[in-house]
């Protein structure tokens, strides 16, 4: 496990490109909704990059922080934390004004049966945030779920593809995009809409789910047989560096890895490592929720961590009893029910 912890530190260290960009990013940075899956590692990466760049800037993390341990861990890493219910407008207005905003807040799982809360988080709150931070640069996280299912031979939808969200979660994500776009135009606020699918890490994500299914002899549904992934560390770097690429009207950017991967192939790679025969059910429908991120790769280059490295790292992490977040992606969901 010591070797894995050291490997994680190496993989999460800021790249020379991020350090150079951090030196160019003027002003402090606030991460709204830092308590999710990506927020803590992104905040720590921002602190490390600022330190390496010799840039004195505050990195502020905002969340409800229902877990005091998570708050303490961020503070120990050099992140200023603020406990805040972003839907409480009084609390929102008391947040400090800073030049750089990364908007990570949102709701996905538990949408079915609680749709109104999801719409409030995903479509109402962005307007309140956009008004408060109208003098800032805003990178706003969105989701590839706003895009249509496409043939796996299509190369995936690009930023020019018209959204076709399925289900209320995806619809509310499109609502979030449209609200941010509106305020970008209204207030001339430079923004970038960050459409991500799917970030993976040791502790969660598509790779982890497939690996555990193979190891535990669980059947893997091939109806959605293809997927895009990107290492979370690379996704975090792109999010921070995107602050230098905000535009008005808001720029839309698809973010993922370059490959359209086969779930069948991924499972067999884990099967080879674990010496287990993967079990499959159903046949591919021939369509998937994909994401053409060629514009992202043009701007930032290809991800540093490759798919085969991700597979090897994930298999080792599981085999050695590494901790997990326990948050499923539901990447095979085709009806928009989350």
C-alpha atoms as a PDB file:
ATOM      1  CA  UNK A   1       0.000   0.000   0.000  1.00  0.00           C
ATOM      2  CA  UNK A   2       2.931   2.344   0.620  1.00  0.00           C
ATOM      3  CA  UNK A   3       3.939   1.959  -3.017  1.00  0.00           C
ATOM      4  CA  UNK A   4       0.387   2.783  -4.119  1.00  0.00           C
ATOM      5  CA  UNK A   5       0.268   5.910  -1.965  1.00  0.00           C
ATOM      6  CA  UNK A   6       3.572   7.032  -3.438  1.00  0.00           C
ATOM      7  CA  UNK A   7       2.302   6.292  -6.946  1.00  0.00           C
ATOM      8  CA  UNK A   8      -0.832   8.320  -6.256  1.00  0.00           C
ATOM      9  CA  UNK A   9       1.270  11.282  -5.124  1.00  0.00           C
ATOM     10  CA  UNK A  10       3.306  11.089  -8.328  1.00  0.00           C
ATOM     11  CA  UNK A  11       0.212  10.874 -10.533  1.00  0.00           C
ATOM     12  CA  UNK A  12      -1.465  13.781  -8.735  1.00  0.00           C
ATOM     13  CA  UNK A  13       1.564  16.071  -8.872  1.00  0.00           C
ATOM     14  CA  UNK A  14       0.980  19.141 -11.091  1.00  0.00           C
ATOM     15  CA  UNK A  15       2.397  18.939 -14.604  1.00  0.00           C
ATOM     16  CA  UNK A  16       4.823  21.579 -15.936  1.00  0.00           C
ATOM     17  CA  UNK A  17       1.995  22.856 -18.168  1.00  0.00           C
ATOM     18  CA  UNK A  18      -0.328  23.355 -15.191  1.00  0.00           C
ATOM     19  CA  UNK A  19       2.394  25.086 -13.171  1.00  0.00           C
ATOM     20  CA  UNK A  20       3.093  27.447 -16.076  1.00  0.00           C
ATOM     21  CA  UNK A  21      -0.615  28.222 -16.488  1.00  0.00           C
ATOM     22  CA  UNK A  22      -1.090  28.739 -12.757  1.00  0.00           C
ATOM     23  CA  UNK A  23       1.566  31.438 -12.903  1.00  0.00           C
ATOM     24  CA  UNK A  24      -0.555  33.167 -15.578  1.00  0.00           C
ATOM     25  CA  UNK A  25      -3.871  32.870 -13.724  1.00  0.00           C
ATOM     26  CA  UNK A  26      -4.325  36.179 -11.913  1.00  0.00           C
ATOM     27  CA  UNK A  27      -6.133  36.342  -8.614  1.00  0.00           C
ATOM     28  CA  UNK A  28      -7.484  33.923  -6.034  1.00  0.00           C
ATOM     29  CA  UNK A  29      -9.557  30.835  -6.794  1.00  0.00           C
ATOM     30  CA  UNK A  30     -12.774  29.493  -5.269  1.00  0.00           C
ATOM     31  CA  UNK A  31     -14.149  25.971  -5.801  1.00  0.00           C
ATOM     32  CA  UNK A  32     -17.913  25.917  -5.215  1.00  0.00           C
ATOM     33  CA  UNK A  33     -19.045  22.425  -4.253  1.00  0.00           C
ATOM     34  CA  UNK A  34     -15.585  21.130  -3.368  1.00  0.00           C
ATOM     35  CA  UNK A  35     -17.004  18.272  -1.304  1.00  0.00           C
ATOM     36  CA  UNK A  36     -17.832  15.981  -4.256  1.00  0.00           C
ATOM     37  CA  UNK A  37     -15.777  13.268  -5.949  1.00  0.00           C
ATOM     38  CA  UNK A  38     -13.403  15.564  -7.844  1.00  0.00           C
ATOM     39  CA  UNK A  39     -13.331  18.648  -5.647  1.00  0.00           C
ATOM     40  CA  UNK A  40     -10.879  17.610  -2.907  1.00  0.00           C
ATOM     41  CA  UNK A  41      -8.194  16.378  -5.306  1.00  0.00           C
ATOM     42  CA  UNK A  42      -8.700  19.434  -7.532  1.00  0.00           C
ATOM     43  CA  UNK A  43      -8.265  21.789  -4.602  1.00  0.00           C
ATOM     44  CA  UNK A  44      -5.101  20.016  -3.472  1.00  0.00           C
ATOM     45  CA  UNK A  45      -3.759  20.099  -7.024  1.00  0.00           C
ATOM     46  CA  UNK A  46      -4.425  23.838  -7.255  1.00  0.00           C
ATOM     47  CA  UNK A  47      -2.535  24.451  -4.006  1.00  0.00           C
ATOM     48  CA  UNK A  48       0.420  22.344  -5.194  1.00  0.00           C
ATOM     49  CA  UNK A  49       0.498  24.068  -8.591  1.00  0.00           C
ATOM     50  CA  UNK A  50       0.350  27.552  -7.063  1.00  0.00           C
ATOM     51  CA  UNK A  51       3.178  26.684  -4.690  1.00  0.00           C
ATOM     52  CA  UNK A  52       5.309  25.242  -7.506  1.00  0.00           C
ATOM     53  CA  UNK A  53       4.623  28.334  -9.635  1.00  0.00           C
ATOM     54  CA  UNK A  54       5.580  30.665  -6.791  1.00  0.00           C
ATOM     55  CA  UNK A  55       2.143  32.250  -7.123  1.00  0.00           C
ATOM     56  CA  UNK A  56       0.649  33.583  -3.910  1.00  0.00           C
ATOM     57  CA  UNK A  57      -3.064  32.964  -4.182  1.00  0.00           C
ATOM     58  CA  UNK A  58      -5.845  31.807  -1.933  1.00  0.00           C
ATOM     59  CA  UNK A  59      -7.466  28.495  -2.865  1.00  0.00           C
ATOM     60  CA  UNK A  60     -10.903  28.493  -1.235  1.00  0.00           C
ATOM     61  CA  UNK A  61     -13.174  25.453  -1.004  1.00  0.00           C
ATOM     62  CA  UNK A  62     -16.908  25.848  -0.373  1.00  0.00           C
ATOM     63  CA  UNK A  63     -19.266  23.040   0.631  1.00  0.00           C
ATOM     64  CA  UNK A  64     -21.847  22.146   3.248  1.00  0.00           C
ATOM     65  CA  UNK A  65     -19.109  19.962   4.819  1.00  0.00           C
ATOM     66  CA  UNK A  66     -21.390  17.475   6.531  1.00  0.00           C
ATOM     67  CA  UNK A  67     -18.214  15.471   7.216  1.00  0.00           C
ATOM     68  CA  UNK A  68     -15.868  17.448   9.535  1.00  0.00           C
ATOM     69  CA  UNK A  69     -13.017  15.052   8.695  1.00  0.00           C
ATOM     70  CA  UNK A  70     -13.170  16.046   4.998  1.00  0.00           C
ATOM     71  CA  UNK A  71     -13.051  19.724   5.953  1.00  0.00           C
ATOM     72  CA  UNK A  72     -10.021  19.191   8.202  1.00  0.00           C
ATOM     73  CA  UNK A  73      -8.225  17.232   5.484  1.00  0.00           C
ATOM     74  CA  UNK A  74      -8.636  20.077   2.985  1.00  0.00           C
ATOM     75  CA  UNK A  75      -7.442  22.649   5.513  1.00  0.00           C
ATOM     76  CA  UNK A  76      -4.373  20.508   6.243  1.00  0.00           C
ATOM     77  CA  UNK A  77      -3.590  20.613   2.517  1.00  0.00           C
ATOM     78  CA  UNK A  78      -3.600  24.416   2.503  1.00  0.00           C
ATOM     79  CA  UNK A  79      -7.156  25.024   1.269  1.00  0.00           C
ATOM     80  CA  UNK A  80      -9.255  27.682   3.001  1.00  0.00           C
ATOM     81  CA  UNK A  81     -12.658  26.164   3.702  1.00  0.00           C
ATOM     82  CA  UNK A  82     -16.039  27.847   4.054  1.00  0.00           C
ATOM     83  CA  UNK A  83     -19.119  25.931   5.190  1.00  0.00           C
ATOM     84  CA  UNK A  84     -22.037  27.148   3.107  1.00  0.00           C
ATOM     85  CA  UNK A  85     -25.407  25.986   1.826  1.00  0.00           C
ATOM     86  CA  UNK A  86     -25.213  27.520  -1.645  1.00  0.00           C
ATOM     87  CA  UNK A  87     -29.000  27.455  -1.990  1.00  0.00           C
ATOM     88  CA  UNK A  88     -29.246  29.806   1.004  1.00  0.00           C
ATOM     89  CA  UNK A  89     -28.898  33.155  -0.753  1.00  0.00           C
ATOM     90  CA  UNK A  90     -27.734  34.967   2.376  1.00  0.00           C
ATOM     91  CA  UNK A  91     -24.873  32.500   2.801  1.00  0.00           C
ATOM     92  CA  UNK A  92     -24.057  32.656  -0.908  1.00  0.00           C
ATOM     93  CA  UNK A  93     -23.834  36.457  -0.892  1.00  0.00           C
ATOM     94  CA  UNK A  94     -21.449  36.361   2.093  1.00  0.00           C
ATOM     95  CA  UNK A  95     -18.860  34.361   0.134  1.00  0.00           C
ATOM     96  CA  UNK A  96     -15.735  36.302  -0.831  1.00  0.00           C
ATOM     97  CA  UNK A  97     -15.514  37.777  -4.303  1.00  0.00           C
ATOM     98  CA  UNK A  98     -12.549  36.290  -6.170  1.00  0.00           C
ATOM     99  CA  UNK A  99     -11.343  36.433  -9.756  1.00  0.00           C
ATOM    100  CA  UNK A 100     -11.503  32.711 -10.552  1.00  0.00           C
ATOM    101  CA  UNK A 101     -14.487  30.436  -9.930  1.00  0.00           C
ATOM    102  CA  UNK A 102     -14.739  26.693 -10.563  1.00  0.00           C
ATOM    103  CA  UNK A 103     -18.366  25.634 -10.227  1.00  0.00           C
ATOM    104  CA  UNK A 104     -18.634  21.976  -9.162  1.00  0.00           C
ATOM    105  CA  UNK A 105     -21.987  22.082  -7.377  1.00  0.00           C
ATOM    106  CA  UNK A 106     -24.836  19.924  -8.625  1.00  0.00           C
ATOM    107  CA  UNK A 107     -27.113  16.981  -7.932  1.00  0.00           C
ATOM    108  CA  UNK A 108     -27.406  13.716  -9.845  1.00  0.00           C
ATOM    109  CA  UNK A 109     -28.168  10.627  -7.798  1.00  0.00           C
ATOM    110  CA  UNK A 110     -31.471  10.730  -6.010  1.00  0.00           C
ATOM    111  CA  UNK A 111     -33.032  12.866  -8.737  1.00  0.00           C
ATOM    112  CA  UNK A 112     -35.884  10.405  -9.314  1.00  0.00           C
ATOM    113  CA  UNK A 113     -38.446  11.275  -6.649  1.00  0.00           C
ATOM    114  CA  UNK A 114     -36.735  14.542  -5.748  1.00  0.00           C
ATOM    115  CA  UNK A 115     -36.699  16.302  -9.092  1.00  0.00           C
ATOM    116  CA  UNK A 116     -37.372  19.788  -7.718  1.00  0.00           C
ATOM    117  CA  UNK A 117     -34.169  19.778  -5.638  1.00  0.00           C
ATOM    118  CA  UNK A 118     -32.138  18.676  -8.660  1.00  0.00           C
ATOM    119  CA  UNK A 119     -33.557  21.507 -10.766  1.00  0.00           C
ATOM    120  CA  UNK A 120     -32.873  24.003  -7.968  1.00  0.00           C
ATOM    121  CA  UNK A 121     -29.251  22.862  -7.671  1.00  0.00           C
ATOM    122  CA  UNK A 122     -28.566  22.405 -11.368  1.00  0.00           C
ATOM    123  CA  UNK A 123     -30.536  25.215 -13.016  1.00  0.00           C
ATOM    124  CA  UNK A 124     -31.599  27.831 -10.410  1.00  0.00           C
ATOM    125  CA  UNK A 125     -28.364  28.060  -8.409  1.00  0.00           C
ATOM    126  CA  UNK A 126     -26.155  28.732 -11.477  1.00  0.00           C
ATOM    127  CA  UNK A 127     -28.046  31.980 -12.069  1.00  0.00           C
ATOM    128  CA  UNK A 128     -27.482  33.151  -8.506  1.00  0.00           C
ATOM    129  CA  UNK A 129     -23.776  32.241  -8.723  1.00  0.00           C
ATOM    130  CA  UNK A 130     -23.394  33.880 -12.141  1.00  0.00           C
ATOM    131  CA  UNK A 131     -24.857  37.137 -10.841  1.00  0.00           C
ATOM    132  CA  UNK A 132     -22.660  37.194  -7.733  1.00  0.00           C
ATOM    133  CA  UNK A 133     -19.493  36.384  -9.673  1.00  0.00           C
ATOM    134  CA  UNK A 134     -20.289  38.424 -12.780  1.00  0.00           C
ATOM    135  CA  UNK A 135     -16.859  40.130 -12.562  1.00  0.00           C
ATOM    136  CA  UNK A 136     -15.005  36.794 -12.369  1.00  0.00           C
ATOM    137  CA  UNK A 137     -13.977  34.022 -14.736  1.00  0.00           C
ATOM    138  CA  UNK A 138     -16.165  30.937 -14.309  1.00  0.00           C
ATOM    139  CA  UNK A 139     -15.475  27.328 -15.291  1.00  0.00           C
ATOM    140  CA  UNK A 140     -18.820  25.579 -14.863  1.00  0.00           C
ATOM    141  CA  UNK A 141     -18.959  21.795 -14.727  1.00  0.00           C
ATOM    142  CA  UNK A 142     -21.582  20.107 -16.878  1.00  0.00           C
ATOM    143  CA  UNK A 143     -22.082  16.563 -18.107  1.00  0.00           C
ATOM    144  CA  UNK A 144     -21.925  14.581 -21.308  1.00  0.00           C
ATOM    145  CA  UNK A 145     -25.419  13.423 -20.333  1.00  0.00           C
ATOM    146  CA  UNK A 146     -26.800  16.455 -22.172  1.00  0.00           C
ATOM    147  CA  UNK A 147     -25.655  14.885 -25.472  1.00  0.00           C
ATOM    148  CA  UNK A 148     -27.562  12.295 -27.509  1.00  0.00           C
ATOM    149  CA  UNK A 149     -26.792   8.595 -27.678  1.00  0.00           C
ATOM    150  CA  UNK A 150     -24.919   8.079 -30.940  1.00  0.00           C
ATOM    151  CA  UNK A 151     -23.636   5.136 -33.026  1.00  0.00           C
ATOM    152  CA  UNK A 152     -20.341   3.891 -31.627  1.00  0.00           C
ATOM    153  CA  UNK A 153     -18.845   4.345 -35.103  1.00  0.00           C
ATOM    154  CA  UNK A 154     -19.691   8.080 -35.144  1.00  0.00           C
ATOM    155  CA  UNK A 155     -16.631   9.328 -33.272  1.00  0.00           C
ATOM    156  CA  UNK A 156     -18.880  10.858 -30.624  1.00  0.00           C
ATOM    157  CA  UNK A 157     -20.742  14.186 -30.516  1.00  0.00           C
ATOM    158  CA  UNK A 158     -18.619  17.340 -30.666  1.00  0.00           C
ATOM    159  CA  UNK A 159     -19.424  20.727 -29.140  1.00  0.00           C
ATOM    160  CA  UNK A 160     -21.422  21.604 -32.279  1.00  0.00           C
ATOM    161  CA  UNK A 161     -23.833  18.693 -31.736  1.00  0.00           C
ATOM    162  CA  UNK A 162     -27.309  19.736 -30.575  1.00  0.00           C
ATOM    163  CA  UNK A 163     -28.070  18.463 -27.039  1.00  0.00           C
ATOM    164  CA  UNK A 164     -30.756  15.809 -26.599  1.00  0.00           C
ATOM    165  CA  UNK A 165     -30.907  15.149 -22.845  1.00  0.00           C
ATOM    166  CA  UNK A 166     -32.824  12.088 -21.644  1.00  0.00           C
ATOM    167  CA  UNK A 167     -34.465  12.286 -18.220  1.00  0.00           C
ATOM    168  CA  UNK A 168     -34.747  15.090 -15.711  1.00  0.00           C
ATOM    169  CA  UNK A 169     -31.154  14.971 -14.469  1.00  0.00           C
ATOM    170  CA  UNK A 170     -29.768  15.468 -17.975  1.00  0.00           C
ATOM    171  CA  UNK A 171     -32.431  18.074 -18.743  1.00  0.00           C
ATOM    172  CA  UNK A 172     -31.481  20.033 -15.622  1.00  0.00           C
ATOM    173  CA  UNK A 173     -27.811  19.858 -16.680  1.00  0.00           C
ATOM    174  CA  UNK A 174     -28.749  21.472 -19.975  1.00  0.00           C
ATOM    175  CA  UNK A 175     -30.690  24.023 -17.933  1.00  0.00           C
ATOM    176  CA  UNK A 176     -27.486  24.759 -16.014  1.00  0.00           C
ATOM    177  CA  UNK A 177     -25.602  25.312 -19.267  1.00  0.00           C
ATOM    178  CA  UNK A 178     -28.274  27.612 -20.698  1.00  0.00           C
ATOM    179  CA  UNK A 179     -28.487  29.709 -17.522  1.00  0.00           C
ATOM    180  CA  UNK A 180     -24.724  30.176 -17.404  1.00  0.00           C
ATOM    181  CA  UNK A 181     -24.719  31.022 -21.122  1.00  0.00           C
ATOM    182  CA  UNK A 182     -27.444  33.624 -20.552  1.00  0.00           C
ATOM    183  CA  UNK A 183     -25.543  35.397 -17.786  1.00  0.00           C
ATOM    184  CA  UNK A 184     -22.281  35.209 -19.714  1.00  0.00           C
ATOM    185  CA  UNK A 185     -23.956  37.209 -22.475  1.00  0.00           C
ATOM    186  CA  UNK A 186     -25.898  39.502 -20.131  1.00  0.00           C
ATOM    187  CA  UNK A 187     -22.971  40.462 -17.896  1.00  0.00           C
ATOM    188  CA  UNK A 188     -20.101  39.838 -20.341  1.00  0.00           C
ATOM    189  CA  UNK A 189     -18.702  37.273 -17.900  1.00  0.00           C
ATOM    190  CA  UNK A 190     -15.987  35.027 -19.385  1.00  0.00           C
ATOM    191  CA  UNK A 191     -17.088  31.414 -18.909  1.00  0.00           C
ATOM    192  CA  UNK A 192     -16.289  27.882 -20.014  1.00  0.00           C
ATOM    193  CA  UNK A 193     -18.884  25.093 -19.866  1.00  0.00           C
ATOM    194  CA  UNK A 194     -16.937  21.946 -18.955  1.00  0.00           C
ATOM    195  CA  UNK A 195     -18.774  18.869 -20.329  1.00  0.00           C
ATOM    196  CA  UNK A 196     -17.206  15.831 -18.698  1.00  0.00           C
ATOM    197  CA  UNK A 197     -17.645  12.082 -19.074  1.00  0.00           C
ATOM    198  CA  UNK A 198     -16.289  10.038 -17.376  1.00  0.00           C
ATOM    199  CA  UNK A 199     -13.564  10.838 -14.823  1.00  0.00           C
ATOM    200  CA  UNK A 200     -11.990   7.762 -13.216  1.00  0.00           C
ATOM    201  CA  UNK A 201      -9.765   7.331 -10.188  1.00  0.00           C
ATOM    202  CA  UNK A 202      -8.448   4.568  -7.923  1.00  0.00           C
ATOM    203  CA  UNK A 203     -11.522   4.890  -5.724  1.00  0.00           C
ATOM    204  CA  UNK A 204     -14.450   5.248  -8.135  1.00  0.00           C
ATOM    205  CA  UNK A 205     -15.531   5.315 -11.742  1.00  0.00           C
ATOM    206  CA  UNK A 206     -16.239   3.135 -14.752  1.00  0.00           C
ATOM    207  CA  UNK A 207     -12.927   1.245 -14.538  1.00  0.00           C
ATOM    208  CA  UNK A 208     -13.380   0.469 -10.848  1.00  0.00           C
ATOM    209  CA  UNK A 209     -16.930  -0.789 -11.448  1.00  0.00           C
ATOM    210  CA  UNK A 210     -15.930  -3.070 -14.315  1.00  0.00           C
ATOM    211  CA  UNK A 211     -12.905  -4.363 -12.395  1.00  0.00           C
ATOM    212  CA  UNK A 212     -14.987  -5.224  -9.337  1.00  0.00           C
ATOM    213  CA  UNK A 213     -17.596  -6.957 -11.491  1.00  0.00           C
ATOM    214  CA  UNK A 214     -14.901  -9.162 -13.035  1.00  0.00           C
ATOM    215  CA  UNK A 215     -13.266  -9.911  -9.680  1.00  0.00           C
ATOM    216  CA  UNK A 216     -16.580 -10.767  -8.001  1.00  0.00           C
ATOM    217  CA  UNK A 217     -18.004 -12.784 -10.902  1.00  0.00           C
ATOM    218  CA  UNK A 218     -20.824 -10.276 -11.480  1.00  0.00           C
ATOM    219  CA  UNK A 219     -22.465 -10.110 -14.902  1.00  0.00           C
ATOM    220  CA  UNK A 220     -21.581  -7.075 -17.000  1.00  0.00           C
ATOM    221  CA  UNK A 221     -24.333  -5.608 -19.185  1.00  0.00           C
ATOM    222  CA  UNK A 222     -23.112  -4.947 -22.735  1.00  0.00           C
ATOM    223  CA  UNK A 223     -26.167  -3.023 -23.962  1.00  0.00           C
ATOM    224  CA  UNK A 224     -23.997   0.069 -23.612  1.00  0.00           C
ATOM    225  CA  UNK A 225     -20.730  -1.491 -24.708  1.00  0.00           C
ATOM    226  CA  UNK A 226     -18.654   1.626 -25.357  1.00  0.00           C
ATOM    227  CA  UNK A 227     -17.492   4.441 -23.116  1.00  0.00           C
ATOM    228  CA  UNK A 228     -15.049   7.353 -22.829  1.00  0.00           C
ATOM    229  CA  UNK A 229     -12.942   7.859 -19.713  1.00  0.00           C
ATOM    230  CA  UNK A 230     -10.257  10.239 -18.481  1.00  0.00           C
ATOM    231  CA  UNK A 231      -8.029   9.992 -15.415  1.00  0.00           C
ATOM    232  CA  UNK A 232      -9.346  12.307 -12.699  1.00  0.00           C
ATOM    233  CA  UNK A 233      -5.968  13.987 -12.277  1.00  0.00           C
ATOM    234  CA  UNK A 234      -5.933  14.946 -15.955  1.00  0.00           C
ATOM    235  CA  UNK A 235      -9.538  16.160 -15.738  1.00  0.00           C
ATOM    236  CA  UNK A 236      -8.620  18.298 -12.723  1.00  0.00           C
ATOM    237  CA  UNK A 237      -5.692  19.875 -14.565  1.00  0.00           C
ATOM    238  CA  UNK A 238      -7.877  20.713 -17.543  1.00  0.00           C
ATOM    239  CA  UNK A 239     -10.482  22.316 -15.270  1.00  0.00           C
ATOM    240  CA  UNK A 240      -7.927  24.606 -13.622  1.00  0.00           C
ATOM    241  CA  UNK A 241      -6.161  25.464 -16.881  1.00  0.00           C
ATOM    242  CA  UNK A 242      -9.556  26.210 -18.471  1.00  0.00           C
ATOM    243  CA  UNK A 243      -9.684  29.417 -16.440  1.00  0.00           C
ATOM    244  CA  UNK A 244      -7.362  30.867 -19.103  1.00  0.00           C
ATOM    245  CA  UNK A 245      -9.775  29.864 -21.872  1.00  0.00           C
ATOM    246  CA  UNK A 246     -13.043  31.364 -20.618  1.00  0.00           C
ATOM    247  CA  UNK A 247     -14.891  33.413 -23.229  1.00  0.00           C
ATOM    248  CA  UNK A 248     -18.014  35.466 -23.614  1.00  0.00           C
ATOM    249  CA  UNK A 249     -20.365  34.129 -24.838  1.00  0.00           C
ATOM    250  CA  UNK A 250     -19.472  31.030 -22.839  1.00  0.00           C
ATOM    251  CA  UNK A 251     -17.205  28.492 -24.538  1.00  0.00           C
ATOM    252  CA  UNK A 252     -18.408  24.872 -24.472  1.00  0.00           C
ATOM    253  CA  UNK A 253     -15.703  22.223 -24.088  1.00  0.00           C
ATOM    254  CA  UNK A 254     -16.072  18.440 -24.179  1.00  0.00           C
ATOM    255  CA  UNK A 255     -13.637  16.764 -21.779  1.00  0.00           C
ATOM    256  CA  UNK A 256     -12.679  13.079 -21.857  1.00  0.00           C
ATOM    257  CA  UNK A 257     -10.003  10.722 -23.114  1.00  0.00           C
ATOM    258  CA  UNK A 258      -9.302  10.204 -26.822  1.00  0.00           C
ATOM    259  CA  UNK A 259     -10.431   6.569 -27.084  1.00  0.00           C
ATOM    260  CA  UNK A 260     -13.891   5.116 -27.593  1.00  0.00           C
ATOM    261  CA  UNK A 261     -13.346   2.101 -25.368  1.00  0.00           C
ATOM    262  CA  UNK A 262     -15.088  -1.259 -25.430  1.00  0.00           C
ATOM    263  CA  UNK A 263     -16.505  -2.436 -22.090  1.00  0.00           C
ATOM    264  CA  UNK A 264     -15.940  -5.987 -23.337  1.00  0.00           C
ATOM    265  CA  UNK A 265     -12.248  -5.230 -23.960  1.00  0.00           C
ATOM    266  CA  UNK A 266     -11.821  -3.484 -20.586  1.00  0.00           C
ATOM    267  CA  UNK A 267     -13.403  -6.428 -18.757  1.00  0.00           C
ATOM    268  CA  UNK A 268     -11.130  -8.897 -20.516  1.00  0.00           C
ATOM    269  CA  UNK A 269      -8.071  -6.827 -19.588  1.00  0.00           C
ATOM    270  CA  UNK A 270      -9.075  -7.089 -15.935  1.00  0.00           C
ATOM    271  CA  UNK A 271      -9.894 -10.774 -16.442  1.00  0.00           C
ATOM    272  CA  UNK A 272      -6.346 -11.371 -17.632  1.00  0.00           C
ATOM    273  CA  UNK A 273      -4.890  -9.573 -14.607  1.00  0.00           C
ATOM    274  CA  UNK A 274      -7.185 -11.262 -12.066  1.00  0.00           C
ATOM    275  CA  UNK A 275      -7.122 -14.633 -13.853  1.00  0.00           C
ATOM    276  CA  UNK A 276     -10.925 -14.523 -13.968  1.00  0.00           C
ATOM    277  CA  UNK A 277     -13.297 -15.100 -16.874  1.00  0.00           C
ATOM    278  CA  UNK A 278     -15.620 -12.064 -17.200  1.00  0.00           C
ATOM    279  CA  UNK A 279     -19.350 -12.750 -17.354  1.00  0.00           C
ATOM    280  CA  UNK A 280     -21.496 -10.794 -19.814  1.00  0.00           C
ATOM    281  CA  UNK A 281     -25.204 -10.354 -20.485  1.00  0.00           C
ATOM    282  CA  UNK A 282     -27.082  -8.765 -23.401  1.00  0.00           C
ATOM    283  CA  UNK A 283     -25.771  -7.589 -26.744  1.00  0.00           C
ATOM    284  CA  UNK A 284     -24.645  -4.108 -27.707  1.00  0.00           C
ATOM    285  CA  UNK A 285     -27.349  -1.762 -28.961  1.00  0.00           C
ATOM    286  CA  UNK A 286     -24.751  -0.097 -31.174  1.00  0.00           C
ATOM    287  CA  UNK A 287     -25.195   3.306 -29.510  1.00  0.00           C
ATOM    288  CA  UNK A 288     -23.615   4.931 -26.476  1.00  0.00           C
ATOM    289  CA  UNK A 289     -23.299   8.215 -24.601  1.00  0.00           C
ATOM    290  CA  UNK A 290     -19.984   9.385 -26.008  1.00  0.00           C
ATOM    291  CA  UNK A 291     -17.990  12.592 -26.160  1.00  0.00           C
ATOM    292  CA  UNK A 292     -15.672  13.869 -28.892  1.00  0.00           C
ATOM    293  CA  UNK A 293     -13.014  15.835 -26.990  1.00  0.00           C
ATOM    294  CA  UNK A 294     -10.728  16.676 -29.909  1.00  0.00           C
ATOM    295  CA  UNK A 295     -11.013  20.423 -29.176  1.00  0.00           C
ATOM    296  CA  UNK A 296      -9.920  19.795 -25.596  1.00  0.00           C
ATOM    297  CA  UNK A 297      -6.912  17.813 -26.823  1.00  0.00           C
ATOM    298  CA  UNK A 298      -6.053  20.574 -29.285  1.00  0.00           C
ATOM    299  CA  UNK A 299      -5.887  23.098 -26.451  1.00  0.00           C
ATOM    300  CA  UNK A 300      -4.398  21.007 -23.657  1.00  0.00           C
ATOM    301  CA  UNK A 301      -2.820  18.004 -25.347  1.00  0.00           C
ATOM    302  CA  UNK A 302      -3.619  14.359 -24.674  1.00  0.00           C
ATOM    303  CA  UNK A 303      -4.078  13.095 -21.102  1.00  0.00           C
ATOM    304  CA  UNK A 304      -0.865  12.124 -19.307  1.00  0.00           C
ATOM    305  CA  UNK A 305      -2.244   8.900 -17.785  1.00  0.00           C
ATOM    306  CA  UNK A 306      -3.090   6.274 -20.402  1.00  0.00           C
ATOM    307  CA  UNK A 307      -5.930   3.767 -20.401  1.00  0.00           C
ATOM    308  CA  UNK A 308      -3.618   0.793 -19.881  1.00  0.00           C
ATOM    309  CA  UNK A 309      -1.992   2.568 -16.942  1.00  0.00           C
ATOM    310  CA  UNK A 310      -5.440   3.222 -15.482  1.00  0.00           C
ATOM    311  CA  UNK A 311      -6.326  -0.483 -15.824  1.00  0.00           C
ATOM    312  CA  UNK A 312      -3.100  -1.635 -14.166  1.00  0.00           C
ATOM    313  CA  UNK A 313      -3.339   0.930 -11.359  1.00  0.00           C
ATOM    314  CA  UNK A 314      -7.009   0.128 -10.672  1.00  0.00           C
ATOM    315  CA  UNK A 315      -6.361  -3.622 -10.577  1.00  0.00           C
ATOM    316  CA  UNK A 316      -3.461  -3.157  -8.158  1.00  0.00           C
ATOM    317  CA  UNK A 317      -5.460  -0.799  -5.948  1.00  0.00           C
ATOM    318  CA  UNK A 318      -8.338  -3.284  -5.665  1.00  0.00           C
ATOM    319  CA  UNK A 319      -6.046  -6.263  -5.128  1.00  0.00           C
ATOM    320  CA  UNK A 320      -4.281  -4.507  -2.251  1.00  0.00           C
ATOM    321  CA  UNK A 321      -7.478  -3.438  -0.520  1.00  0.00           C
ATOM    322  CA  UNK A 322      -7.456   0.253  -1.377  1.00  0.00           C
ATOM    323  CA  UNK A 323     -10.355   2.378  -0.134  1.00  0.00           C
ATOM    324  CA  UNK A 324     -13.333   3.173  -2.366  1.00  0.00           C
ATOM    325  CA  UNK A 325     -15.823   6.035  -2.539  1.00  0.00           C
ATOM    326  CA  UNK A 326     -18.732   3.649  -3.082  1.00  0.00           C
ATOM    327  CA  UNK A 327     -20.372   5.995  -5.587  1.00  0.00           C
ATOM    328  CA  UNK A 328     -21.489   4.183  -8.735  1.00  0.00           C
ATOM    329  CA  UNK A 329     -21.503   6.054 -12.045  1.00  0.00           C
ATOM    330  CA  UNK A 330     -24.519   4.241 -13.554  1.00  0.00           C
ATOM    331  CA  UNK A 331     -22.770   4.719 -16.906  1.00  0.00           C
ATOM    332  CA  UNK A 332     -24.950   1.976 -18.414  1.00  0.00           C
ATOM    333  CA  UNK A 333     -28.199   3.818 -17.621  1.00  0.00           C
ATOM    334  CA  UNK A 334     -30.048   4.484 -20.890  1.00  0.00           C
ATOM    335  CA  UNK A 335     -33.353   5.879 -19.618  1.00  0.00           C
ATOM    336  CA  UNK A 336     -32.077   8.916 -17.708  1.00  0.00           C
ATOM    337  CA  UNK A 337     -33.214   7.617 -14.285  1.00  0.00           C
ATOM    338  CA  UNK A 338     -30.737   8.574 -11.556  1.00  0.00           C
END
